C-alpha atoms as a PDB file:
ATOM      1  CA  MET A   1     -16.472  -5.935  -5.373  1.00  0.00           C
ATOM      2  CA  ILE A   2     -13.336  -6.163  -3.227  1.00  0.00           C
ATOM      3  CA  VAL A   3      -9.986  -5.709  -4.945  1.00  0.00           C
ATOM      4  CA  ALA A   4      -6.788  -6.675  -3.138  1.00  0.00           C
ATOM      5  CA  ILE A   5      -3.466  -5.271  -4.267  1.00  0.00           C
ATOM      6  CA  LEU A   6      -0.059  -6.690  -3.333  1.00  0.00           C
ATOM      7  CA  LEU A   7       2.589  -3.964  -3.584  1.00  0.00           C
ATOM      8  CA  PHE A   8       6.207  -5.052  -3.194  1.00  0.00           C
ATOM      9  CA  THR A   9       8.119  -2.009  -4.483  1.00  0.00           C
ATOM     10  CA  SER A  10       9.259   1.291  -3.006  1.00  0.00           C
ATOM     11  CA  PRO A  11       7.507   4.573  -3.838  1.00  0.00           C
ATOM     12  CA  VAL A  12      10.908   6.203  -4.278  1.00  0.00           C
ATOM     13  CA  GLN A  13      12.421   4.068  -7.043  1.00  0.00           C
ATOM     14  CA  HIS A  14       9.458   2.546  -8.860  1.00  0.00           C
ATOM     15  CA  GLU A  15       6.358   3.688 -10.720  1.00  0.00           C
ATOM     16  CA  ASN A  16       4.235   0.911  -9.227  1.00  0.00           C
ATOM     17  CA  SER A  17       3.154   3.037  -6.263  1.00  0.00           C
ATOM     18  CA  ALA A  18       1.781   5.803  -8.481  1.00  0.00           C
ATOM     19  CA  GLN A  19       0.020   3.195 -10.623  1.00  0.00           C
ATOM     20  CA  VAL A  20      -1.514   1.541  -7.570  1.00  0.00           C
ATOM     21  CA  LEU A  21      -2.679   4.951  -6.336  1.00  0.00           C
ATOM     22  CA  GLU A  22      -4.421   5.709  -9.642  1.00  0.00           C
ATOM     23  CA  ILE A  23      -6.001   2.248  -9.842  1.00  0.00           C
ATOM     24  CA  ALA A  24      -7.205   2.489  -6.239  1.00  0.00           C
ATOM     25  CA  ARG A  25      -8.704   5.938  -6.862  1.00  0.00           C
ATOM     26  CA  ALA A  26     -10.584   4.689  -9.909  1.00  0.00           C
ATOM     27  CA  LEU A  27     -11.857   1.589  -8.128  1.00  0.00           C
ATOM     28  CA  LYS A  28     -12.956   3.544  -5.067  1.00  0.00           C
ATOM     29  CA  SER A  29     -14.758   6.119  -7.180  1.00  0.00           C
ATOM     30  CA  ALA A  30     -16.615   3.252  -8.866  1.00  0.00           C
ATOM     31  CA  GLY A  31     -17.760   2.063  -5.440  1.00  0.00           C
ATOM     32  CA  HIS A  32     -15.370  -0.841  -4.925  1.00  0.00           C
ATOM     33  CA  ARG A  33     -13.405  -1.641  -1.777  1.00  0.00           C
ATOM     34  CA  VAL A  34      -9.618  -1.673  -2.195  1.00  0.00           C
ATOM     35  CA  ARG A  35      -7.303  -3.407   0.282  1.00  0.00           C
ATOM     36  CA  ILE A  36      -3.552  -3.035  -0.197  1.00  0.00           C
ATOM     37  CA  PHE A  37      -0.952  -5.297   1.408  1.00  0.00           C
ATOM     38  CA  LEU A  38       2.650  -4.069   1.453  1.00  0.00           C
ATOM     39  CA  LEU A  39       5.552  -6.539   1.414  1.00  0.00           C
ATOM     40  CA  GLY A  40       9.322  -6.075   1.130  1.00  0.00           C
ATOM     41  CA  ASP A  41      10.242  -2.538   0.061  1.00  0.00           C
ATOM     42  CA  GLY A  42       6.528  -1.949  -0.435  1.00  0.00           C
ATOM     43  CA  VAL A  43       6.284  -1.100   3.279  1.00  0.00           C
ATOM     44  CA  TYR A  44       7.854   2.275   2.456  1.00  0.00           C
ATOM     45  CA  ASN A  45       4.505   3.200   0.873  1.00  0.00           C
ATOM     46  CA  ALA A  46       3.089   3.446   4.406  1.00  0.00           C
ATOM     47  CA  SER A  47       6.120   5.075   6.035  1.00  0.00           C
ATOM     48  CA  ALA A  48       5.272   8.321   7.807  1.00  0.00           C
ATOM     49  CA  HIS A  49       8.930   9.281   7.320  1.00  0.00           C
ATOM     50  CA  LEU A  50       8.245   9.787   3.612  1.00  0.00           C
ATOM     51  CA  LEU A  51       5.602  12.463   4.199  1.00  0.00           C
ATOM     52  CA  SER A  52       6.662  15.992   3.301  1.00  0.00           C
ATOM     53  CA  ASP A  53       5.219  19.455   3.861  1.00  0.00           C
ATOM     54  CA  LYS A  54       7.330  20.820   1.001  1.00  0.00           C
ATOM     55  CA  VAL A  55       6.551  18.467  -1.876  1.00  0.00           C
ATOM     56  CA  GLU A  56       3.672  16.203  -2.733  1.00  0.00           C
ATOM     57  CA  THR A  57       4.627  12.542  -2.424  1.00  0.00           C
ATOM     58  CA  VAL A  58       2.867   9.354  -3.425  1.00  0.00           C
ATOM     59  CA  VAL A  59       2.836   8.380   0.253  1.00  0.00           C
ATOM     60  CA  GLY A  60       1.136  11.664   1.128  1.00  0.00           C
ATOM     61  CA  GLU A  61      -1.425  11.145  -1.612  1.00  0.00           C
ATOM     62  CA  MET A  62      -2.104   7.601  -0.389  1.00  0.00           C
ATOM     63  CA  GLN A  63      -2.732   8.993   3.084  1.00  0.00           C
ATOM     64  CA  SER A  64      -4.988  11.765   1.730  1.00  0.00           C
ATOM     65  CA  GLU A  65      -6.924   9.228  -0.308  1.00  0.00           C
ATOM     66  CA  GLY A  66      -7.515   7.182   2.845  1.00  0.00           C
ATOM     67  CA  LEU A  67      -6.348   3.948   1.278  1.00  0.00           C
ATOM     68  CA  GLU A  68      -6.730   0.817   3.364  1.00  0.00           C
ATOM     69  CA  MET A  69      -3.143  -0.445   3.605  1.00  0.00           C
ATOM     70  CA  THR A  70      -1.507  -3.093   5.745  1.00  0.00           C
ATOM     71  CA  ALA A  71       2.292  -3.287   5.899  1.00  0.00           C
ATOM     72  CA  CYS A  72       4.067  -6.514   6.768  1.00  0.00           C
ATOM     73  CA  THR A  73       5.368  -6.105  10.322  1.00  0.00           C
ATOM     74  CA  THR A  74       8.509  -8.138   9.700  1.00  0.00           C
ATOM     75  CA  CYS A  75       9.377  -6.233   6.517  1.00  0.00           C
ATOM     76  CA  ALA A  76       8.755  -2.904   8.249  1.00  0.00           C
ATOM     77  CA  THR A  77      10.945  -3.854  11.207  1.00  0.00           C
ATOM     78  CA  TYR A  78      13.848  -4.902   8.978  1.00  0.00           C
ATOM     79  CA  ARG A  79      13.600  -1.623   7.058  1.00  0.00           C
ATOM     80  CA  GLY A  80      13.247   0.660  10.068  1.00  0.00           C
ATOM     81  CA  VAL A  81       9.672   1.695   9.272  1.00  0.00           C
ATOM     82  CA  ASP A  82       8.434   2.403  12.781  1.00  0.00           C
ATOM     83  CA  ARG A  83       5.654   4.910  12.016  1.00  0.00           C
ATOM     84  CA  VAL A  84       2.957   4.405   9.404  1.00  0.00           C
ATOM     85  CA  ILE A  85       0.628   6.917   7.794  1.00  0.00           C
ATOM     86  CA  LYS A  86      -2.952   7.425   8.962  1.00  0.00           C
ATOM     87  CA  GLY A  87      -5.247   4.699   7.751  1.00  0.00           C
ATOM     88  CA  SER A  88      -2.444   2.151   7.529  1.00  0.00           C
ATOM     89  CA  GLY A  89      -1.479  -0.562   9.934  1.00  0.00           C
ATOM     90  CA  LEU A  90       0.973  -3.355  10.460  1.00  0.00           C
ATOM     91  CA  GLY A  91       0.061  -6.978   9.900  1.00  0.00           C
ATOM     92  CA  THR A  92       1.282 -10.469   9.172  1.00  0.00           C
ATOM     93  CA  LEU A  93       1.095 -12.897   6.298  1.00  0.00           C
ATOM     94  CA  GLU A  94      -1.985 -14.304   8.039  1.00  0.00           C
ATOM     95  CA  ASP A  95      -3.599 -10.904   7.468  1.00  0.00           C
ATOM     96  CA  PHE A  96      -2.547 -11.078   3.821  1.00  0.00           C
ATOM     97  CA  THR A  97      -4.136 -14.514   3.553  1.00  0.00           C
ATOM     98  CA  GLU A  98      -7.386 -13.125   4.982  1.00  0.00           C
ATOM     99  CA  ILE A  99      -7.299 -10.245   2.496  1.00  0.00           C
ATOM    100  CA  VAL A 100      -6.764 -12.607  -0.444  1.00  0.00           C
ATOM    101  CA  GLU A 101      -9.445 -15.035   0.699  1.00  0.00           C
ATOM    102  CA  GLY A 102     -11.922 -12.179   0.979  1.00  0.00           C
ATOM    103  CA  CYS A 103     -11.248 -10.492  -2.338  1.00  0.00           C
ATOM    104  CA  ASP A 104     -12.781 -10.883  -5.765  1.00  0.00           C
ATOM    105  CA  ILE A 105      -9.675  -9.778  -7.661  1.00  0.00           C
ATOM    106  CA  LEU A 106      -5.984  -9.755  -6.701  1.00  0.00           C
ATOM    107  CA  LEU A 107      -3.571  -7.391  -8.473  1.00  0.00           C
ATOM    108  CA  ASN A 108       0.130  -8.004  -8.031  1.00  0.00           C
ATOM    109  CA  PHE A 109       2.778  -5.269  -8.276  1.00  0.00           C
ATOM    110  CA  THR A 110       6.031  -6.998  -7.419  1.00  0.00           C
ATOM    111  CA  SER A 111       8.519  -5.682  -9.956  1.00  0.00           C
ATOM    112  CA  GLU A 112       9.202  -3.046 -12.549  1.00  0.00           C
ATOM    113  CA  GLY A 113       8.707  -3.839 -16.130  1.00  0.00           C
END
């Protein structure tokens, strides 16, 4: 099974990133493929600038987990995200469309609450 996740919130101010990380870990351990697309402030989840040697961060854990993440190029450019973590890449809404068309389930994390 392929599960796509749309993540629209920042790892700094929202719990969604930690929830997505836990869901992705569980799905991967059950043998499923997880593809994450990052839009809006969600692109910060792939920002190499949020890695730290001093404290564990959600971004660092996502990199360690080897999650398959694609950050919207336009959103990243507007937010100054110019370096992404290993395993992540930049893409377009066409890439998001391909991800959605190829998935069995789509989970949407666009707001707190």
